[in-house]
Amino acid sequence: MRWIEPKNLNAGAPTSSITVHLDRLAQEVIREGWKAVPRYDGPYPLLRVFDPAVPDFGESITLVHGTTSDIWWYRSSTGEDLAPHTKPIYAAQQITRILTPYVAAVLAAQTHRRETTGEQRPLPRPHS
């Protein structure tokens, strides 16, 4: 894994083609049980992926150039290349691999805290 300068993330691709591929990924992560929120209004289109039970933790996915001009890669917010743009199902599986242990740990900690303090489970916050 290597550092990619943010200014080079989506160079050369029209935003509309990037968002089409991020929308395809959104469909797949939703099938995997995650919440997907497009963030297309900033300088780089992103897809925010998270568990509704833990909305403050998730991944922001973008699309970046691959080693050849015709292949783009889904990239996580940590810089990991997840899958080529032609394989959104595999990228969704990789996102699940990344997020599941963290979400499980947060949910376990919340359950433990509620059991030891008698605290009630909070109502989910609405997300736009």
Protein backbone atom coordinates (compact mmCIF):
# COMPACT_ATOMS: atom_id res chain seq x y z
CA MET A 1 0.00 0.00 0.00
CA ARG A 2 1.38 3.39 -0.92
CA TRP A 3 0.31 6.95 -0.23
CA ILE A 4 -1.58 8.63 -3.08
CA GLU A 5 -1.72 12.39 -3.17
CA PRO A 6 -5.38 13.48 -2.96
CA LYS A 7 -5.03 15.74 -6.00
CA ASN A 8 -4.38 12.65 -8.16
CA LEU A 9 -7.33 10.59 -6.96
CA ASN A 10 -9.78 11.05 -9.81
CA ALA A 11 -7.73 12.88 -12.41
CA GLY A 12 -8.90 12.25 -15.93
CA ALA A 13 -12.34 10.83 -15.23
CA PRO A 14 -15.57 12.73 -15.49
CA THR A 15 -17.45 12.84 -12.20
CA SER A 16 -20.48 11.21 -13.82
CA SER A 17 -18.56 8.03 -14.72
CA ILE A 18 -17.09 7.84 -11.21
CA THR A 19 -20.50 8.20 -9.58
CA VAL A 20 -21.98 5.48 -11.82
CA HIS A 21 -19.39 3.02 -10.49
CA LEU A 22 -19.82 4.20 -6.90
CA ASP A 23 -23.58 3.74 -7.30
CA ARG A 24 -22.98 0.15 -8.45
CA LEU A 25 -20.85 -0.40 -5.36
CA ALA A 26 -23.58 1.14 -3.18
CA GLN A 27 -26.03 -1.50 -4.41
CA GLU A 28 -23.60 -4.25 -3.47
CA VAL A 29 -22.75 -2.96 0.01
CA ILE A 30 -26.46 -2.57 0.74
CA ARG A 31 -26.88 -6.25 -0.23
CA GLU A 32 -24.11 -7.01 2.28
CA GLY A 33 -26.17 -5.27 4.99
CA TRP A 34 -24.42 -1.89 5.18
CA LYS A 35 -25.80 1.61 4.80
CA ALA A 36 -24.40 3.54 1.82
CA VAL A 37 -24.54 7.33 1.54
CA PRO A 38 -23.20 9.01 -1.60
CA ARG A 39 -21.13 12.13 -0.98
CA TYR A 40 -20.81 13.53 -4.48
CA ASP A 41 -20.83 17.25 -3.66
CA GLY A 42 -17.17 17.61 -2.64
CA PRO A 43 -14.03 17.83 -4.76
CA TYR A 44 -13.86 14.01 -5.00
CA PRO A 45 -16.96 11.82 -5.14
CA LEU A 46 -17.06 9.41 -2.20
CA LEU A 47 -19.34 6.65 -1.02
CA ARG A 48 -19.72 6.55 2.76
CA VAL A 49 -20.34 2.98 4.02
CA PHE A 50 -21.28 2.18 7.62
CA ASP A 51 -23.48 0.10 9.90
CA PRO A 52 -26.60 2.04 10.96
CA ALA A 53 -26.04 0.82 14.54
CA VAL A 54 -22.57 2.46 14.53
CA PRO A 55 -23.02 5.49 12.25
CA ASP A 56 -19.91 7.33 13.43
CA PHE A 57 -17.57 4.64 12.10
CA GLY A 58 -17.25 3.54 8.49
CA GLU A 59 -15.33 3.70 5.25
CA SER A 60 -15.24 6.38 2.58
CA ILE A 61 -14.70 4.78 -0.81
CA THR A 62 -13.53 6.52 -3.96
CA LEU A 63 -12.42 5.47 -7.43
CA VAL A 64 -8.80 5.88 -8.56
CA HIS A 65 -6.73 5.12 -11.66
CA GLY A 66 -5.28 1.64 -11.88
CA THR A 67 -2.05 0.67 -13.59
CA THR A 68 -3.76 0.72 -16.99
CA SER A 69 -5.90 3.52 -18.34
CA ASP A 70 -9.02 1.37 -18.74
CA ILE A 71 -9.11 -0.02 -15.19
CA TRP A 72 -10.11 1.98 -12.13
CA TRP A 73 -9.99 0.76 -8.54
CA TYR A 74 -12.30 1.17 -5.59
CA ARG A 75 -10.09 2.56 -2.82
CA SER A 76 -10.83 2.66 0.91
CA SER A 77 -10.21 5.66 3.13
CA THR A 78 -7.12 3.88 4.46
CA GLY A 79 -5.64 3.70 0.95
CA GLU A 80 -6.31 0.01 0.35
CA ASP A 81 -7.23 -0.86 -3.23
CA LEU A 82 -10.30 -3.06 -2.80
CA ALA A 83 -11.16 -4.26 -6.30
CA PRO A 84 -11.24 -3.08 -9.91
CA HIS A 85 -14.29 -1.06 -10.95
CA THR A 86 -15.49 -4.10 -12.92
CA LYS A 87 -15.92 -6.10 -9.68
CA PRO A 88 -18.11 -4.11 -7.26
CA ILE A 89 -19.26 -7.35 -5.60
CA TYR A 90 -15.67 -8.13 -4.59
CA ALA A 91 -15.14 -4.55 -3.37
CA ALA A 92 -18.26 -4.89 -1.19
CA GLN A 93 -16.88 -8.13 0.27
CA GLN A 94 -13.61 -6.36 1.05
CA ILE A 95 -15.47 -3.53 2.78
CA THR A 96 -17.31 -6.13 4.86
CA ARG A 97 -13.94 -7.71 5.75
CA ILE A 98 -12.62 -4.33 6.90
CA LEU A 99 -15.64 -3.06 8.84
CA THR A 100 -17.01 -6.21 10.51
CA PRO A 101 -14.41 -6.61 13.29
CA TYR A 102 -14.62 -2.94 14.28
CA VAL A 103 -18.41 -2.82 14.25
CA ALA A 104 -18.56 -6.07 16.25
CA ALA A 105 -16.16 -4.64 18.84
CA VAL A 106 -18.15 -1.41 19.21
CA LEU A 107 -21.45 -3.27 19.55
CA ALA A 108 -19.94 -5.65 22.12
CA ALA A 109 -18.59 -2.70 24.13
CA GLN A 110 -21.96 -0.95 24.00
CA THR A 111 -23.72 -4.13 25.18
CA HIS A 112 -21.22 -4.58 28.00
CA ARG A 113 -21.67 -0.97 29.10
CA ARG A 114 -25.47 -1.31 29.10
CA GLU A 115 -25.31 -4.56 31.07
CA THR A 116 -22.95 -3.18 33.71
CA THR A 117 -24.56 0.25 34.11
CA GLY A 118 -28.21 -0.49 33.37
CA GLU A 119 -28.08 2.15 30.64
CA GLN A 120 -30.82 1.92 28.01
CA ARG A 121 -29.95 1.43 24.36
CA PRO A 122 -30.04 4.83 22.62
CA LEU A 123 -32.40 5.44 19.73
CA PRO A 124 -30.64 5.57 16.34
CA ARG A 125 -29.92 9.05 15.04
CA PRO A 126 -31.42 9.90 11.67
CA HIS A 127 -28.79 10.21 8.93
CA SER A 128 -29.28 11.98 5.68
